[in-house]
Amino acid sequence: MKFENLRVDELDNNPDTVLNFKSLRSNGKYRFFYLLLQHDYLVLASKGIFPSINGKPERVTGGTDIEIPKSGLQWFINAIEQKFMRTEAEGGLKREELTFSEVIDGEKLVTSRWFGTSGYALANASRNLHSNFGGEGQQEFCFTDKMLFDEGLLDNLKVIAQKIDRGEL
């Protein structure tokens, strides 16, 4: 299924939203995130304030970050908990491996460990990104450790994954 880039003004009251959350950025401004269920896909979209540059006023920017089959959410959670948070002896990845990928419902999903801004990237290598700036590449989103663990996002994602598994979403 092909999706159009969600516009920023469509996010706040979108009836497909199953989860919204916000995260405080280092610049003191919030970035807002929306997880939408559209058909059998989850669409993660975001919006935030783009700062004033060269005398131009700040503005709200955002849109679709990544689209994954809805079964890919549990896969992402399992990748973090069973591949990255376990030793090789416990069934996790080898020490030097920082990426794990599998094909889920016909789409290649990739999870990577990020450093610098520590977190986990979720990518869909089967889909091109939606870009307002002419960029190319696969769809990808980095969930920071702060978002996932300190702000409780991983627990919220688990609730959504459980609802999907029970057929409620």
N, C-alpha and C. Protein backbone atom coordinates (compact mmCIF):
# COMPACT_ATOMS: atom_id res chain seq x y z
N MET A 1 0.85 -1.18 0.00
CA MET A 1 0.00 0.00 0.00
C MET A 1 0.89 1.24 0.00
N LYS A 2 0.54 2.19 -0.81
CA LYS A 2 1.29 3.44 -0.92
C LYS A 2 0.56 4.52 -0.13
N PHE A 3 1.32 5.29 0.65
CA PHE A 3 0.76 6.36 1.46
C PHE A 3 1.31 7.70 1.01
N GLU A 4 0.51 8.72 1.14
CA GLU A 4 0.96 10.08 0.90
C GLU A 4 1.55 10.61 2.20
N ASN A 5 2.45 11.57 2.09
CA ASN A 5 3.02 12.23 3.27
C ASN A 5 1.90 12.95 4.01
N LEU A 6 1.76 12.67 5.30
CA LEU A 6 0.76 13.36 6.11
C LEU A 6 1.17 14.80 6.32
N ARG A 7 0.22 15.70 6.20
CA ARG A 7 0.50 17.11 6.42
C ARG A 7 0.39 17.42 7.91
N VAL A 8 1.17 18.39 8.35
CA VAL A 8 1.21 18.77 9.76
C VAL A 8 -0.17 19.13 10.29
N ASP A 9 -0.96 19.83 9.48
CA ASP A 9 -2.28 20.26 9.96
C ASP A 9 -3.30 19.13 10.02
N GLU A 10 -2.93 17.93 9.57
CA GLU A 10 -3.82 16.77 9.63
C GLU A 10 -3.56 15.89 10.86
N LEU A 11 -2.58 16.21 11.65
CA LEU A 11 -2.15 15.29 12.69
C LEU A 11 -2.94 15.39 14.00
N ASP A 12 -3.21 16.58 14.48
CA ASP A 12 -3.80 16.72 15.82
C ASP A 12 -5.14 16.04 15.99
N ASN A 13 -5.99 16.07 15.00
CA ASN A 13 -7.34 15.51 15.15
C ASN A 13 -7.60 14.35 14.20
N ASN A 14 -6.55 13.64 13.83
CA ASN A 14 -6.70 12.54 12.89
C ASN A 14 -7.39 11.37 13.58
N PRO A 15 -8.50 10.87 13.03
CA PRO A 15 -9.24 9.77 13.67
C PRO A 15 -8.48 8.44 13.65
N ASP A 16 -7.43 8.31 12.86
CA ASP A 16 -6.64 7.08 12.80
C ASP A 16 -5.59 6.99 13.89
N THR A 17 -5.45 8.03 14.71
CA THR A 17 -4.41 8.06 15.74
C THR A 17 -4.69 7.05 16.84
N VAL A 18 -3.71 6.19 17.11
CA VAL A 18 -3.83 5.21 18.20
C VAL A 18 -2.93 5.59 19.38
N LEU A 19 -2.00 6.50 19.14
CA LEU A 19 -1.11 6.95 20.21
C LEU A 19 -0.51 8.29 19.81
N ASN A 20 -0.50 9.24 20.75
CA ASN A 20 0.29 10.45 20.53
C ASN A 20 1.11 10.70 21.78
N PHE A 21 2.27 11.27 21.56
CA PHE A 21 3.18 11.55 22.67
C PHE A 21 4.07 12.72 22.28
N LYS A 22 4.69 13.28 23.27
CA LYS A 22 5.60 14.40 23.01
C LYS A 22 6.89 14.16 23.76
N SER A 23 7.94 14.76 23.25
CA SER A 23 9.26 14.63 23.86
C SER A 23 9.93 15.99 23.86
N LEU A 24 10.47 16.37 25.00
CA LEU A 24 11.16 17.65 25.13
C LEU A 24 12.54 17.54 24.50
N ARG A 25 12.83 18.45 23.59
CA ARG A 25 14.11 18.44 22.90
C ARG A 25 15.12 19.29 23.66
N SER A 26 16.36 19.18 23.28
CA SER A 26 17.43 19.90 23.96
C SER A 26 17.28 21.42 23.82
N ASN A 27 16.54 21.88 22.81
CA ASN A 27 16.34 23.33 22.64
C ASN A 27 15.19 23.86 23.49
N GLY A 28 14.61 22.99 24.33
CA GLY A 28 13.52 23.42 25.21
C GLY A 28 12.15 23.40 24.56
N LYS A 29 12.07 22.95 23.33
CA LYS A 29 10.79 22.88 22.63
C LYS A 29 10.38 21.42 22.47
N TYR A 30 9.10 21.20 22.42
CA TYR A 30 8.59 19.83 22.27
C TYR A 30 8.51 19.43 20.81
N ARG A 31 8.72 18.15 20.58
CA ARG A 31 8.43 17.53 19.28
C ARG A 31 7.27 16.59 19.57
N PHE A 32 6.27 16.61 18.71
CA PHE A 32 5.06 15.83 18.89
C PHE A 32 5.04 14.67 17.90
N PHE A 33 4.63 13.51 18.38
CA PHE A 33 4.64 12.29 17.57
C PHE A 33 3.25 11.66 17.58
N TYR A 34 2.90 11.06 16.45
CA TYR A 34 1.58 10.47 16.25
C TYR A 34 1.76 9.09 15.63
N LEU A 35 1.15 8.08 16.22
CA LEU A 35 1.14 6.74 15.65
C LEU A 35 -0.28 6.50 15.15
N LEU A 36 -0.40 6.31 13.85
CA LEU A 36 -1.71 6.14 13.23
C LEU A 36 -1.83 4.75 12.64
N LEU A 37 -3.02 4.17 12.73
CA LEU A 37 -3.31 2.89 12.11
C LEU A 37 -4.11 3.18 10.85
N GLN A 38 -3.50 2.87 9.71
CA GLN A 38 -4.16 3.07 8.42
C GLN A 38 -4.10 1.76 7.65
N HIS A 39 -5.26 1.16 7.48
CA HIS A 39 -5.39 -0.16 6.87
C HIS A 39 -4.64 -1.15 7.76
N ASP A 40 -3.68 -1.89 7.26
CA ASP A 40 -2.90 -2.81 8.09
C ASP A 40 -1.49 -2.29 8.36
N TYR A 41 -1.35 -0.96 8.34
CA TYR A 41 -0.06 -0.33 8.55
C TYR A 41 -0.11 0.65 9.72
N LEU A 42 1.02 0.77 10.37
CA LEU A 42 1.21 1.83 11.35
C LEU A 42 2.05 2.91 10.69
N VAL A 43 1.62 4.13 10.86
CA VAL A 43 2.32 5.27 10.28
C VAL A 43 2.75 6.16 11.44
N LEU A 44 4.05 6.38 11.56
CA LEU A 44 4.58 7.29 12.57
C LEU A 44 4.83 8.63 11.90
N ALA A 45 4.20 9.65 12.44
CA ALA A 45 4.38 11.01 11.92
C ALA A 45 4.77 11.91 13.07
N SER A 46 5.37 13.04 12.75
CA SER A 46 5.81 13.95 13.81
C SER A 46 5.71 15.39 13.32
N LYS A 47 5.75 16.29 14.30
CA LYS A 47 5.82 17.71 13.97
C LYS A 47 6.56 18.42 15.09
N GLY A 48 7.15 19.53 14.73
CA GLY A 48 7.88 20.33 15.70
C GLY A 48 8.15 21.71 15.13
N ILE A 49 8.81 22.52 15.91
CA ILE A 49 9.13 23.89 15.50
C ILE A 49 10.49 23.91 14.80
N PHE A 50 10.50 24.38 13.58
CA PHE A 50 11.75 24.61 12.86
C PHE A 50 12.21 26.01 13.23
N PRO A 51 13.43 26.15 13.72
CA PRO A 51 13.85 27.44 14.27
C PRO A 51 13.98 28.55 13.22
N SER A 52 13.99 29.76 13.72
CA SER A 52 14.20 30.94 12.89
C SER A 52 15.63 30.92 12.34
N ILE A 53 15.74 31.07 11.03
CA ILE A 53 17.06 31.09 10.37
C ILE A 53 17.08 32.23 9.36
N ASN A 54 18.18 32.97 9.35
CA ASN A 54 18.38 34.06 8.39
C ASN A 54 17.22 35.05 8.38
N GLY A 55 16.70 35.35 9.56
CA GLY A 55 15.64 36.34 9.67
C GLY A 55 14.25 35.83 9.36
N LYS A 56 14.14 34.58 8.92
CA LYS A 56 12.82 34.00 8.65
C LYS A 56 12.23 33.49 9.97
N PRO A 57 10.93 33.64 10.17
CA PRO A 57 10.33 33.22 11.43
C PRO A 57 10.34 31.70 11.59
N GLU A 58 10.29 31.25 12.85
CA GLU A 58 10.18 29.82 13.08
C GLU A 58 8.85 29.33 12.53
N ARG A 59 8.80 28.05 12.20
CA ARG A 59 7.57 27.50 11.64
C ARG A 59 7.42 26.04 12.05
N VAL A 60 6.19 25.56 11.98
CA VAL A 60 5.91 24.16 12.29
C VAL A 60 6.19 23.32 11.05
N THR A 61 6.98 22.26 11.22
CA THR A 61 7.28 21.35 10.11
C THR A 61 7.01 19.92 10.58
N GLY A 62 6.94 19.02 9.66
CA GLY A 62 6.77 17.61 10.00
C GLY A 62 6.07 16.86 8.90
N GLY A 63 5.59 15.69 9.27
CA GLY A 63 4.90 14.81 8.32
C GLY A 63 5.23 13.37 8.65
N THR A 64 5.07 12.52 7.67
CA THR A 64 5.28 11.09 7.85
C THR A 64 6.76 10.79 8.00
N ASP A 65 7.09 10.01 9.04
CA ASP A 65 8.48 9.56 9.23
C ASP A 65 8.68 8.14 8.70
N ILE A 66 7.76 7.23 9.05
CA ILE A 66 7.94 5.83 8.65
C ILE A 66 6.60 5.12 8.64
N GLU A 67 6.47 4.18 7.70
CA GLU A 67 5.30 3.32 7.58
C GLU A 67 5.78 1.88 7.72
N ILE A 68 5.09 1.10 8.56
CA ILE A 68 5.46 -0.31 8.72
C ILE A 68 4.19 -1.15 8.78
N PRO A 69 4.27 -2.42 8.35
CA PRO A 69 3.12 -3.29 8.59
C PRO A 69 2.83 -3.31 10.09
N LYS A 70 1.57 -3.38 10.48
CA LYS A 70 1.26 -3.27 11.91
C LYS A 70 1.90 -4.39 12.73
N SER A 71 2.15 -5.54 12.14
CA SER A 71 2.84 -6.62 12.86
C SER A 71 4.30 -6.26 13.12
N GLY A 72 4.82 -5.25 12.44
CA GLY A 72 6.20 -4.81 12.64
C GLY A 72 6.44 -4.13 13.97
N LEU A 73 5.39 -3.67 14.64
CA LEU A 73 5.58 -3.03 15.94
C LEU A 73 6.08 -4.03 16.97
N GLN A 74 5.44 -5.21 17.04
CA GLN A 74 5.90 -6.23 17.99
C GLN A 74 7.29 -6.70 17.61
N TRP A 75 7.58 -6.78 16.31
CA TRP A 75 8.91 -7.17 15.86
C TRP A 75 9.95 -6.17 16.38
N PHE A 76 9.66 -4.86 16.29
CA PHE A 76 10.58 -3.82 16.76
C PHE A 76 10.82 -3.95 18.27
N ILE A 77 9.77 -4.15 19.02
CA ILE A 77 9.89 -4.32 20.48
C ILE A 77 10.74 -5.55 20.79
N ASN A 78 10.46 -6.66 20.10
CA ASN A 78 11.24 -7.88 20.31
C ASN A 78 12.70 -7.69 19.92
N ALA A 79 12.95 -6.94 18.86
CA ALA A 79 14.34 -6.70 18.45
C ALA A 79 15.10 -5.98 19.56
N ILE A 80 14.49 -4.98 20.16
CA ILE A 80 15.16 -4.26 21.25
C ILE A 80 15.38 -5.18 22.44
N GLU A 81 14.32 -5.83 22.89
CA GLU A 81 14.39 -6.61 24.13
C GLU A 81 15.11 -7.94 23.99
N GLN A 82 14.98 -8.59 22.82
CA GLN A 82 15.54 -9.93 22.68
C GLN A 82 16.84 -9.99 21.88
N LYS A 83 17.11 -8.97 21.09
CA LYS A 83 18.35 -8.97 20.30
C LYS A 83 19.39 -8.00 20.85
N PHE A 84 18.98 -6.81 21.25
CA PHE A 84 19.94 -5.80 21.69
C PHE A 84 20.17 -5.82 23.20
N MET A 85 19.19 -6.21 23.98
CA MET A 85 19.32 -6.16 25.44
C MET A 85 19.73 -7.50 26.04
N ARG A 86 20.07 -8.44 25.20
CA ARG A 86 20.54 -9.75 25.67
C ARG A 86 21.94 -10.01 25.12
N THR A 87 22.65 -10.82 25.84
CA THR A 87 23.98 -11.23 25.36
C THR A 87 23.81 -12.27 24.26
N GLU A 88 24.88 -12.53 23.56
CA GLU A 88 24.86 -13.56 22.52
C GLU A 88 24.47 -14.91 23.12
N ALA A 89 24.98 -15.22 24.30
CA ALA A 89 24.67 -16.49 24.97
C ALA A 89 23.17 -16.59 25.32
N GLU A 90 22.52 -15.45 25.50
CA GLU A 90 21.08 -15.42 25.82
C GLU A 90 20.21 -15.34 24.56
N GLY A 91 20.84 -15.39 23.38
CA GLY A 91 20.09 -15.31 22.13
C GLY A 91 20.12 -13.95 21.47
N GLY A 92 20.88 -13.02 22.07
CA GLY A 92 21.00 -11.67 21.50
C GLY A 92 22.01 -11.63 20.37
N LEU A 93 22.22 -10.44 19.87
CA LEU A 93 23.19 -10.24 18.80
C LEU A 93 24.61 -10.40 19.31
N LYS A 94 25.52 -10.66 18.38
CA LYS A 94 26.94 -10.68 18.73
C LYS A 94 27.34 -9.28 19.17
N ARG A 95 28.35 -9.20 19.99
CA ARG A 95 28.78 -7.94 20.57
C ARG A 95 29.03 -6.84 19.54
N GLU A 96 29.61 -7.20 18.39
CA GLU A 96 29.96 -6.20 17.38
C GLU A 96 28.80 -5.87 16.43
N GLU A 97 27.70 -6.57 16.53
CA GLU A 97 26.56 -6.31 15.65
C GLU A 97 25.70 -5.19 16.23
N LEU A 98 25.39 -4.23 15.40
CA LEU A 98 24.59 -3.08 15.83
C LEU A 98 23.31 -2.94 15.02
N THR A 99 23.05 -3.92 14.13
CA THR A 99 21.88 -3.88 13.27
C THR A 99 21.24 -5.26 13.20
N PHE A 100 19.92 -5.27 13.19
CA PHE A 100 19.15 -6.50 13.04
C PHE A 100 18.04 -6.22 12.04
N SER A 101 17.83 -7.13 11.09
CA SER A 101 16.78 -6.92 10.09
C SER A 101 16.08 -8.23 9.77
N GLU A 102 14.84 -8.09 9.35
CA GLU A 102 14.04 -9.22 8.88
C GLU A 102 12.96 -8.68 7.95
N VAL A 103 12.44 -9.57 7.12
CA VAL A 103 11.31 -9.22 6.27
C VAL A 103 10.04 -9.56 7.04
N ILE A 104 9.20 -8.55 7.24
CA ILE A 104 7.94 -8.70 7.97
C ILE A 104 6.82 -8.30 7.01
N ASP A 105 5.93 -9.23 6.75
CA ASP A 105 4.81 -8.99 5.82
C ASP A 105 5.27 -8.36 4.52
N GLY A 106 6.39 -8.88 4.00
CA GLY A 106 6.88 -8.44 2.69
C GLY A 106 7.71 -7.18 2.69
N GLU A 107 7.99 -6.60 3.86
CA GLU A 107 8.77 -5.37 3.92
C GLU A 107 9.99 -5.58 4.83
N LYS A 108 11.14 -5.12 4.35
CA LYS A 108 12.38 -5.29 5.12
C LYS A 108 12.48 -4.22 6.20
N LEU A 109 12.33 -4.67 7.45
CA LEU A 109 12.46 -3.77 8.59
C LEU A 109 13.84 -3.93 9.21
N VAL A 110 14.40 -2.84 9.67
CA VAL A 110 15.75 -2.82 10.22
C VAL A 110 15.74 -2.05 11.54
N THR A 111 16.36 -2.63 12.54
CA THR A 111 16.57 -1.92 13.80
C THR A 111 18.06 -1.81 14.02
N SER A 112 18.49 -0.61 14.40
CA SER A 112 19.91 -0.35 14.66
C SER A 112 20.06 0.36 15.99
N ARG A 113 21.19 0.12 16.64
CA ARG A 113 21.51 0.84 17.87
C ARG A 113 22.23 2.11 17.48
N TRP A 114 21.78 3.24 18.01
CA TRP A 114 22.41 4.53 17.74
C TRP A 114 23.24 4.95 18.93
N PHE A 115 24.31 5.67 18.64
CA PHE A 115 25.17 6.23 19.68
C PHE A 115 25.27 7.72 19.43
N GLY A 116 25.87 8.46 20.32
CA GLY A 116 25.86 9.92 20.24
C GLY A 116 24.58 10.38 20.89
N THR A 117 23.49 10.36 20.13
CA THR A 117 22.16 10.44 20.71
C THR A 117 21.72 9.00 20.85
N SER A 118 21.87 8.44 22.03
CA SER A 118 21.62 7.01 22.17
C SER A 118 20.15 6.68 21.97
N GLY A 119 19.94 5.59 21.25
CA GLY A 119 18.58 5.15 20.97
C GLY A 119 18.59 4.03 19.96
N TYR A 120 17.42 3.76 19.42
CA TYR A 120 17.24 2.69 18.45
C TYR A 120 16.54 3.25 17.22
N ALA A 121 17.12 2.99 16.06
CA ALA A 121 16.49 3.40 14.82
C ALA A 121 15.60 2.27 14.34
N LEU A 122 14.47 2.63 13.80
CA LEU A 122 13.59 1.70 13.10
C LEU A 122 13.53 2.19 11.66
N ALA A 123 13.87 1.33 10.73
CA ALA A 123 13.86 1.70 9.31
C ALA A 123 13.02 0.70 8.53
N ASN A 124 12.42 1.19 7.46
CA ASN A 124 11.75 0.34 6.50
C ASN A 124 12.54 0.49 5.19
N ALA A 125 13.39 -0.49 4.92
CA ALA A 125 14.25 -0.44 3.74
C ALA A 125 13.47 -0.68 2.45
N SER A 126 12.20 -1.04 2.58
CA SER A 126 11.35 -1.28 1.42
C SER A 126 10.60 -0.03 0.97
N ARG A 127 10.74 1.06 1.72
CA ARG A 127 10.00 2.29 1.40
C ARG A 127 10.93 3.49 1.39
N ASN A 128 10.70 4.37 0.44
CA ASN A 128 11.47 5.61 0.36
C ASN A 128 10.87 6.64 1.31
N LEU A 129 11.73 7.49 1.84
CA LEU A 129 11.26 8.50 2.78
C LEU A 129 10.44 9.56 2.09
N HIS A 130 9.57 10.18 2.88
CA HIS A 130 8.82 11.36 2.43
C HIS A 130 9.67 12.55 2.84
N SER A 131 10.06 13.38 1.89
CA SER A 131 10.94 14.49 2.23
C SER A 131 10.42 15.79 1.65
N ASN A 132 10.41 16.80 2.49
CA ASN A 132 10.08 18.14 2.03
C ASN A 132 11.33 18.88 1.55
N PHE A 133 12.50 18.25 1.74
CA PHE A 133 13.75 18.92 1.43
C PHE A 133 14.53 18.21 0.32
N GLY A 134 13.89 17.29 -0.40
CA GLY A 134 14.53 16.65 -1.54
C GLY A 134 15.47 15.52 -1.19
N GLY A 135 15.45 15.02 0.05
CA GLY A 135 16.32 13.93 0.44
C GLY A 135 15.85 12.60 -0.12
N GLU A 136 16.75 11.64 -0.17
CA GLU A 136 16.42 10.31 -0.65
C GLU A 136 16.88 9.29 0.37
N GLY A 137 16.35 8.10 0.28
CA GLY A 137 16.77 7.01 1.15
C GLY A 137 15.58 6.30 1.74
N GLN A 138 15.88 5.35 2.60
CA GLN A 138 14.83 4.56 3.23
C GLN A 138 14.15 5.35 4.33
N GLN A 139 12.93 4.97 4.64
CA GLN A 139 12.23 5.59 5.76
C GLN A 139 12.92 5.14 7.05
N GLU A 140 13.10 6.08 7.97
CA GLU A 140 13.80 5.75 9.22
C GLU A 140 13.39 6.73 10.30
N PHE A 141 13.35 6.23 11.52
CA PHE A 141 13.06 7.09 12.66
C PHE A 141 13.91 6.62 13.84
N CYS A 142 14.50 7.56 14.56
CA CYS A 142 15.29 7.21 15.75
C CYS A 142 14.48 7.50 17.00
N PHE A 143 14.25 6.46 17.76
CA PHE A 143 13.63 6.58 19.08
C PHE A 143 14.77 6.70 20.08
N THR A 144 14.89 7.83 20.75
CA THR A 144 15.97 7.98 21.71
C THR A 144 15.71 7.12 22.94
N ASP A 145 16.77 6.78 23.66
CA ASP A 145 16.61 6.05 24.91
C ASP A 145 15.73 6.83 25.87
N LYS A 146 15.89 8.15 25.86
CA LYS A 146 15.07 9.00 26.74
C LYS A 146 13.59 8.81 26.44
N MET A 147 13.24 8.83 25.15
CA MET A 147 11.84 8.63 24.76
C MET A 147 11.34 7.25 25.17
N LEU A 148 12.12 6.23 24.80
CA LEU A 148 11.68 4.85 25.02
C LEU A 148 11.59 4.48 26.49
N PHE A 149 12.61 4.82 27.25
CA PHE A 149 12.71 4.31 28.62
C PHE A 149 12.33 5.34 29.68
N ASP A 150 12.89 6.54 29.59
CA ASP A 150 12.61 7.56 30.61
C ASP A 150 11.21 8.14 30.50
N GLU A 151 10.73 8.31 29.26
CA GLU A 151 9.42 8.91 29.05
C GLU A 151 8.31 7.87 28.85
N GLY A 152 8.67 6.58 28.91
CA GLY A 152 7.66 5.52 28.89
C GLY A 152 7.10 5.12 27.54
N LEU A 153 7.73 5.56 26.46
CA LEU A 153 7.19 5.24 25.15
C LEU A 153 7.20 3.74 24.86
N LEU A 154 8.25 3.03 25.26
CA LEU A 154 8.31 1.60 24.98
C LEU A 154 7.11 0.88 25.62
N ASP A 155 6.76 1.25 26.84
CA ASP A 155 5.59 0.65 27.49
C ASP A 155 4.31 0.96 26.72
N ASN A 156 4.18 2.19 26.24
CA ASN A 156 3.00 2.55 25.44
C ASN A 156 2.95 1.77 24.13
N LEU A 157 4.10 1.57 23.50
CA LEU A 157 4.15 0.79 22.27
C LEU A 157 3.78 -0.67 22.53
N LYS A 158 4.16 -1.19 23.68
CA LYS A 158 3.79 -2.57 24.04
C LYS A 158 2.28 -2.71 24.16
N VAL A 159 1.61 -1.73 24.73
CA VAL A 159 0.15 -1.76 24.85
C VAL A 159 -0.49 -1.81 23.46
N ILE A 160 0.00 -0.98 22.55
CA ILE A 160 -0.52 -0.96 21.18
C ILE A 160 -0.27 -2.32 20.51
N ALA A 161 0.93 -2.87 20.67
CA ALA A 161 1.27 -4.17 20.07
C ALA A 161 0.37 -5.27 20.62
N GLN A 162 0.07 -5.23 21.90
CA GLN A 162 -0.83 -6.23 22.50
C GLN A 162 -2.23 -6.13 21.91
N LYS A 163 -2.71 -4.91 21.70
CA LYS A 163 -4.03 -4.71 21.09
C LYS A 163 -4.04 -5.26 19.66
N ILE A 164 -2.94 -5.07 18.93
CA ILE A 164 -2.84 -5.60 17.58
C ILE A 164 -2.87 -7.11 17.63
N ASP A 165 -2.09 -7.71 18.54
CA ASP A 165 -2.04 -9.16 18.67
C ASP A 165 -3.40 -9.76 19.03
N ARG A 166 -4.19 -9.03 19.82
CA ARG A 166 -5.53 -9.52 20.22
C ARG A 166 -6.59 -9.22 19.17
N GLY A 167 -6.20 -8.54 18.10
CA GLY A 167 -7.15 -8.23 17.04
C GLY A 167 -8.03 -7.03 17.34
N GLU A 168 -7.66 -6.24 18.34
CA GLU A 168 -8.45 -5.07 18.71
C GLU A 168 -8.11 -3.87 17.82
N LEU A 169 -6.97 -3.91 17.17
CA LEU A 169 -6.57 -2.85 16.23
C LEU A 169 -6.19 -3.47 14.89
